[in-house]
Amino acid sequence: MRSGVDTPAHAGPSRLASGLALFLPPALTAAVVWWIIGAALAWLDRHSGEISAWFIATFDIADVTGLLAAVRYLAEWIRRIVVPFAALVWFAELLRHGWGPWLDRRSLARAFSPTRLIAVTIVAALTLWAPLAYGLYWMPDGLPASWVEPAVAALKFGAMALVAAIGLSLIARLAVTRTGG
């Protein structure tokens, strides 16, 4: 090989280091926001009685469990969908443009686009949440307690992993695509 040519063996560690350096700010920011929302939800759980008492005293509303549940669902949606998707969009921008545009208006619009967030929510619900919620403990009736049962379980988990991989790739595609809303 010629001297000075960037071969894959030589480019690997430097590309890995630069990719890791670009990955860390979005990942750490997402982790901090995840933790803050989790702490806020824990605080909400600890003080739900006091919040209910305040609503009774102020507005004469005796049951605020629906309101507290709505706040919890909204916070969990932000925690599990919005924050990781925004971090993924930020990471894609860093990979595309380097350290230049930290808060580019177009990337922020892409990260918080209602259309994209709805699409990401639907994809995550169908490909990540639903298979885990409904497929994890499901087994067909009448399976013999032999090699068939673990084989069916392996096929089921393989199908769940395939569906999850498809869902994650669709979410990544939504994060890096520039056109649309």
C-alpha atoms as a PDB file:
ATOM      1  CA  MET A   1       0.000   0.000   0.000  1.00  0.00           C
ATOM      2  CA  ARG A   2       1.083   3.536  -0.630  1.00  0.00           C
ATOM      3  CA  SER A   3       2.197   5.708   2.219  1.00  0.00           C
ATOM      4  CA  GLY A   4      -0.378   8.260   3.349  1.00  0.00           C
ATOM      5  CA  VAL A   5      -3.391   6.331   2.058  1.00  0.00           C
ATOM      6  CA  ASP A   6      -6.173   6.066   4.611  1.00  0.00           C
ATOM      7  CA  THR A   7      -6.894   2.358   4.816  1.00  0.00           C
ATOM      8  CA  PRO A   8      -9.822   0.898   6.741  1.00  0.00           C
ATOM      9  CA  ALA A   9      -7.427  -0.548   9.322  1.00  0.00           C
ATOM     10  CA  HIS A  10      -6.001   2.902  10.011  1.00  0.00           C
ATOM     11  CA  ALA A  11      -9.252   4.802   9.627  1.00  0.00           C
ATOM     12  CA  GLY A  12     -11.195   2.587  12.025  1.00  0.00           C
ATOM     13  CA  PRO A  13      -9.933   3.843  15.403  1.00  0.00           C
ATOM     14  CA  SER A  14     -10.020   7.503  14.411  1.00  0.00           C
ATOM     15  CA  ARG A  15     -13.510   7.188  12.913  1.00  0.00           C
ATOM     16  CA  LEU A  16     -14.650   5.322  16.012  1.00  0.00           C
ATOM     17  CA  ALA A  17     -13.278   8.033  18.280  1.00  0.00           C
ATOM     18  CA  SER A  18     -14.855  10.842  16.268  1.00  0.00           C
ATOM     19  CA  GLY A  19     -18.172   8.968  16.049  1.00  0.00           C
ATOM     20  CA  LEU A  20     -18.138   8.356  19.794  1.00  0.00           C
ATOM     21  CA  ALA A  21     -17.356  12.018  20.417  1.00  0.00           C
ATOM     22  CA  LEU A  22     -20.337  12.958  18.262  1.00  0.00           C
ATOM     23  CA  PHE A  23     -22.582  10.373  19.949  1.00  0.00           C
ATOM     24  CA  LEU A  24     -21.873  11.373  23.542  1.00  0.00           C
ATOM     25  CA  PRO A  25     -23.531  14.844  23.699  1.00  0.00           C
ATOM     26  CA  PRO A  26     -26.934  13.655  22.402  1.00  0.00           C
ATOM     27  CA  ALA A  27     -26.793  10.457  24.464  1.00  0.00           C
ATOM     28  CA  LEU A  28     -25.778  12.220  27.674  1.00  0.00           C
ATOM     29  CA  THR A  29     -28.342  14.974  27.151  1.00  0.00           C
ATOM     30  CA  ALA A  30     -31.065  12.382  26.566  1.00  0.00           C
ATOM     31  CA  ALA A  31     -29.956  10.487  29.684  1.00  0.00           C
ATOM     32  CA  VAL A  32     -30.069  13.653  31.812  1.00  0.00           C
ATOM     33  CA  VAL A  33     -33.523  14.614  30.501  1.00  0.00           C
ATOM     34  CA  TRP A  34     -34.686  11.000  31.023  1.00  0.00           C
ATOM     35  CA  TRP A  35     -33.470  11.176  34.633  1.00  0.00           C
ATOM     36  CA  ILE A  36     -35.077  14.602  35.249  1.00  0.00           C
ATOM     37  CA  ILE A  37     -38.447  13.403  33.945  1.00  0.00           C
ATOM     38  CA  GLY A  38     -38.149  10.237  36.032  1.00  0.00           C
ATOM     39  CA  ALA A  39     -37.388  12.312  39.134  1.00  0.00           C
ATOM     40  CA  ALA A  40     -40.365  14.571  38.384  1.00  0.00           C
ATOM     41  CA  LEU A  41     -42.629  11.533  38.008  1.00  0.00           C
ATOM     42  CA  ALA A  42     -41.336  10.097  41.282  1.00  0.00           C
ATOM     43  CA  TRP A  43     -42.035  13.448  42.954  1.00  0.00           C
ATOM     44  CA  LEU A  44     -45.539  13.423  41.445  1.00  0.00           C
ATOM     45  CA  ASP A  45     -46.143   9.942  42.843  1.00  0.00           C
ATOM     46  CA  ARG A  46     -44.882  10.955  46.303  1.00  0.00           C
ATOM     47  CA  HIS A  47     -46.997  14.106  46.434  1.00  0.00           C
ATOM     48  CA  SER A  48     -50.154  12.953  44.642  1.00  0.00           C
ATOM     49  CA  GLY A  49     -52.129  13.112  47.888  1.00  0.00           C
ATOM     50  CA  GLU A  50     -51.114  16.704  48.496  1.00  0.00           C
ATOM     51  CA  ILE A  51     -51.923  17.579  44.884  1.00  0.00           C
ATOM     52  CA  SER A  52     -55.343  15.952  45.246  1.00  0.00           C
ATOM     53  CA  ALA A  53     -55.933  17.873  48.475  1.00  0.00           C
ATOM     54  CA  TRP A  54     -55.021  21.139  46.742  1.00  0.00           C
ATOM     55  CA  PHE A  55     -57.493  20.412  43.923  1.00  0.00           C
ATOM     56  CA  ILE A  56     -60.199  19.629  46.489  1.00  0.00           C
ATOM     57  CA  ALA A  57     -59.519  22.839  48.432  1.00  0.00           C
ATOM     58  CA  THR A  58     -59.114  25.090  45.412  1.00  0.00           C
ATOM     59  CA  PHE A  59     -61.520  23.770  42.783  1.00  0.00           C
ATOM     60  CA  ASP A  60     -63.695  21.350  44.792  1.00  0.00           C
ATOM     61  CA  ILE A  61     -62.612  18.508  42.504  1.00  0.00           C
ATOM     62  CA  ALA A  62     -62.431  15.327  44.552  1.00  0.00           C
ATOM     63  CA  ASP A  63     -60.943  12.908  42.035  1.00  0.00           C
ATOM     64  CA  VAL A  64     -57.895  14.019  40.047  1.00  0.00           C
ATOM     65  CA  THR A  65     -56.566  10.553  39.281  1.00  0.00           C
ATOM     66  CA  GLY A  66     -57.444  11.036  35.605  1.00  0.00           C
ATOM     67  CA  LEU A  67     -55.510  14.296  35.472  1.00  0.00           C
ATOM     68  CA  LEU A  68     -52.509  12.769  37.239  1.00  0.00           C
ATOM     69  CA  ALA A  69     -52.638   9.764  34.911  1.00  0.00           C
ATOM     70  CA  ALA A  70     -52.724  12.091  31.885  1.00  0.00           C
ATOM     71  CA  VAL A  71     -49.704  13.992  33.210  1.00  0.00           C
ATOM     72  CA  ARG A  72     -47.900  10.697  33.778  1.00  0.00           C
ATOM     73  CA  TYR A  73     -48.717   9.413  30.254  1.00  0.00           C
ATOM     74  CA  LEU A  74     -47.594  12.704  28.706  1.00  0.00           C
ATOM     75  CA  ALA A  75     -44.344  12.683  30.676  1.00  0.00           C
ATOM     76  CA  GLU A  76     -43.661   9.048  29.786  1.00  0.00           C
ATOM     77  CA  TRP A  77     -44.354   9.806  26.100  1.00  0.00           C
ATOM     78  CA  ILE A  78     -41.883  12.688  26.218  1.00  0.00           C
ATOM     79  CA  ARG A  79     -39.406  10.474  28.070  1.00  0.00           C
ATOM     80  CA  ARG A  80     -39.701   7.408  25.836  1.00  0.00           C
ATOM     81  CA  ILE A  81     -40.472   8.908  22.400  1.00  0.00           C
ATOM     82  CA  VAL A  82     -39.690  12.619  22.117  1.00  0.00           C
ATOM     83  CA  VAL A  83     -36.370  12.739  23.966  1.00  0.00           C
ATOM     84  CA  PRO A  84     -34.755   9.718  22.230  1.00  0.00           C
ATOM     85  CA  PHE A  85     -36.013  10.883  18.837  1.00  0.00           C
ATOM     86  CA  ALA A  86     -34.678  14.411  19.374  1.00  0.00           C
ATOM     87  CA  ALA A  87     -31.323  12.932  20.443  1.00  0.00           C
ATOM     88  CA  LEU A  88     -31.301  10.748  17.337  1.00  0.00           C
ATOM     89  CA  VAL A  89     -32.008  13.739  15.086  1.00  0.00           C
ATOM     90  CA  TRP A  90     -29.247  15.695  16.859  1.00  0.00           C
ATOM     91  CA  PHE A  91     -26.823  12.801  16.394  1.00  0.00           C
ATOM     92  CA  ALA A  92     -27.713  12.590  12.698  1.00  0.00           C
ATOM     93  CA  GLU A  93     -27.045  16.302  12.313  1.00  0.00           C
ATOM     94  CA  LEU A  94     -23.702  15.980  14.083  1.00  0.00           C
ATOM     95  CA  LEU A  95     -22.745  13.102  11.800  1.00  0.00           C
ATOM     96  CA  ARG A  96     -23.803  15.053   8.738  1.00  0.00           C
ATOM     97  CA  HIS A  97     -22.377  18.493   9.562  1.00  0.00           C
ATOM     98  CA  GLY A  98     -19.936  17.981  12.436  1.00  0.00           C
ATOM     99  CA  TRP A  99     -19.840  20.342  15.382  1.00  0.00           C
ATOM    100  CA  GLY A 100     -20.985  23.381  13.375  1.00  0.00           C
ATOM    101  CA  PRO A 101     -24.769  23.725  13.786  1.00  0.00           C
ATOM    102  CA  TRP A 102     -25.564  22.791  17.382  1.00  0.00           C
ATOM    103  CA  LEU A 103     -29.077  24.181  17.353  1.00  0.00           C
ATOM    104  CA  ASP A 104     -30.023  24.358  13.710  1.00  0.00           C
ATOM    105  CA  ARG A 105     -33.604  25.508  13.242  1.00  0.00           C
ATOM    106  CA  ARG A 106     -34.314  22.876  10.575  1.00  0.00           C
ATOM    107  CA  SER A 107     -33.100  20.010  12.733  1.00  0.00           C
ATOM    108  CA  LEU A 108     -35.132  21.279  15.700  1.00  0.00           C
ATOM    109  CA  ALA A 109     -38.181  21.508  13.449  1.00  0.00           C
ATOM    110  CA  ARG A 110     -37.521  17.960  12.266  1.00  0.00           C
ATOM    111  CA  ALA A 111     -37.031  16.655  15.812  1.00  0.00           C
ATOM    112  CA  PHE A 112     -40.222  18.230  17.162  1.00  0.00           C
ATOM    113  CA  SER A 113     -42.402  18.003  14.061  1.00  0.00           C
ATOM    114  CA  PRO A 114     -45.875  16.805  15.093  1.00  0.00           C
ATOM    115  CA  THR A 115     -46.098  14.665  11.966  1.00  0.00           C
ATOM    116  CA  ARG A 116     -42.804  12.918  12.698  1.00  0.00           C
ATOM    117  CA  LEU A 117     -43.589  12.524  16.399  1.00  0.00           C
ATOM    118  CA  ILE A 118     -46.944  10.943  15.579  1.00  0.00           C
ATOM    119  CA  ALA A 119     -45.256   8.635  13.056  1.00  0.00           C
ATOM    120  CA  VAL A 120     -42.529   7.704  15.555  1.00  0.00           C
ATOM    121  CA  THR A 121     -45.153   7.073  18.235  1.00  0.00           C
ATOM    122  CA  ILE A 122     -47.164   4.804  15.934  1.00  0.00           C
ATOM    123  CA  VAL A 123     -44.056   2.914  14.772  1.00  0.00           C
ATOM    124  CA  ALA A 124     -42.826   2.484  18.348  1.00  0.00           C
ATOM    125  CA  ALA A 125     -46.249   1.331  19.540  1.00  0.00           C
ATOM    126  CA  LEU A 126     -46.669  -1.199  16.740  1.00  0.00           C
ATOM    127  CA  THR A 127     -43.140  -2.557  16.540  1.00  0.00           C
ATOM    128  CA  LEU A 128     -41.720  -2.169  20.055  1.00  0.00           C
ATOM    129  CA  TRP A 129     -44.473  -1.918  22.636  1.00  0.00           C
ATOM    130  CA  ALA A 130     -47.181  -4.197  21.191  1.00  0.00           C
ATOM    131  CA  PRO A 131     -44.917  -7.205  20.533  1.00  0.00           C
ATOM    132  CA  LEU A 132     -43.537  -6.964  24.065  1.00  0.00           C
ATOM    133  CA  ALA A 133     -46.916  -6.408  25.690  1.00  0.00           C
ATOM    134  CA  TYR A 134     -48.816  -9.078  23.771  1.00  0.00           C
ATOM    135  CA  GLY A 135     -46.207 -11.466  22.428  1.00  0.00           C
ATOM    136  CA  LEU A 136     -43.806 -11.910  25.314  1.00  0.00           C
ATOM    137  CA  TYR A 137     -45.879 -14.367  27.343  1.00  0.00           C
ATOM    138  CA  TRP A 138     -48.044 -15.755  24.557  1.00  0.00           C
ATOM    139  CA  MET A 139     -47.636 -19.409  23.588  1.00  0.00           C
ATOM    140  CA  PRO A 140     -50.041 -21.470  21.504  1.00  0.00           C
ATOM    141  CA  ASP A 141     -52.160 -23.962  23.410  1.00  0.00           C
ATOM    142  CA  GLY A 142     -51.392 -27.640  23.202  1.00  0.00           C
ATOM    143  CA  LEU A 143     -47.643 -27.484  22.629  1.00  0.00           C
ATOM    144  CA  PRO A 144     -45.922 -30.653  23.756  1.00  0.00           C
ATOM    145  CA  ALA A 145     -43.378 -30.237  26.527  1.00  0.00           C
ATOM    146  CA  SER A 146     -40.512 -31.281  24.289  1.00  0.00           C
ATOM    147  CA  TRP A 147     -38.159 -29.572  21.858  1.00  0.00           C
ATOM    148  CA  VAL A 148     -41.195 -28.009  20.156  1.00  0.00           C
ATOM    149  CA  GLU A 149     -41.887 -25.559  22.973  1.00  0.00           C
ATOM    150  CA  PRO A 150     -38.417 -23.927  23.000  1.00  0.00           C
ATOM    151  CA  ALA A 151     -38.365 -23.979  19.193  1.00  0.00           C
ATOM    152  CA  VAL A 152     -41.649 -22.057  19.048  1.00  0.00           C
ATOM    153  CA  ALA A 153     -40.351 -19.649  21.703  1.00  0.00           C
ATOM    154  CA  ALA A 154     -37.156 -19.089  19.691  1.00  0.00           C
ATOM    155  CA  LEU A 155     -39.164 -18.441  16.523  1.00  0.00           C
ATOM    156  CA  LYS A 156     -41.464 -16.073  18.399  1.00  0.00           C
ATOM    157  CA  PHE A 157     -38.566 -14.103  19.898  1.00  0.00           C
ATOM    158  CA  GLY A 158     -36.815 -14.038  16.530  1.00  0.00           C
ATOM    159  CA  ALA A 159     -39.938 -12.599  14.911  1.00  0.00           C
ATOM    160  CA  MET A 160     -40.248 -10.046  17.713  1.00  0.00           C
ATOM    161  CA  ALA A 161     -36.600  -9.046  17.243  1.00  0.00           C
ATOM    162  CA  LEU A 162     -37.107  -8.712  13.495  1.00  0.00           C
ATOM    163  CA  VAL A 163     -40.180  -6.532  13.967  1.00  0.00           C
ATOM    164  CA  ALA A 164     -38.295  -4.395  16.523  1.00  0.00           C
ATOM    165  CA  ALA A 165     -35.342  -4.010  14.142  1.00  0.00           C
ATOM    166  CA  ILE A 166     -37.681  -2.910  11.364  1.00  0.00           C
ATOM    167  CA  GLY A 167     -39.320  -0.421  13.718  1.00  0.00           C
ATOM    168  CA  LEU A 168     -36.002   0.985  14.909  1.00  0.00           C
ATOM    169  CA  SER A 169     -34.776   1.350  11.332  1.00  0.00           C
ATOM    170  CA  LEU A 170     -37.974   3.222  10.410  1.00  0.00           C
ATOM    171  CA  ILE A 171     -37.475   5.533  13.390  1.00  0.00           C
ATOM    172  CA  ALA A 172     -33.853   6.121  12.367  1.00  0.00           C
ATOM    173  CA  ARG A 173     -35.021   6.840   8.828  1.00  0.00           C
ATOM    174  CA  LEU A 174     -37.491   9.419  10.147  1.00  0.00           C
ATOM    175  CA  ALA A 175     -34.657  11.031  12.115  1.00  0.00           C
ATOM    176  CA  VAL A 176     -32.313  11.467   9.151  1.00  0.00           C
ATOM    177  CA  THR A 177     -34.782  12.269   6.352  1.00  0.00           C
ATOM    178  CA  ARG A 178     -34.780  15.958   5.539  1.00  0.00           C
ATOM    179  CA  THR A 179     -37.902  16.272   3.392  1.00  0.00           C
ATOM    180  CA  GLY A 180     -41.427  16.367   4.711  1.00  0.00           C
ATOM    181  CA  GLY A 181     -42.817  17.594   7.936  1.00  0.00           C
END
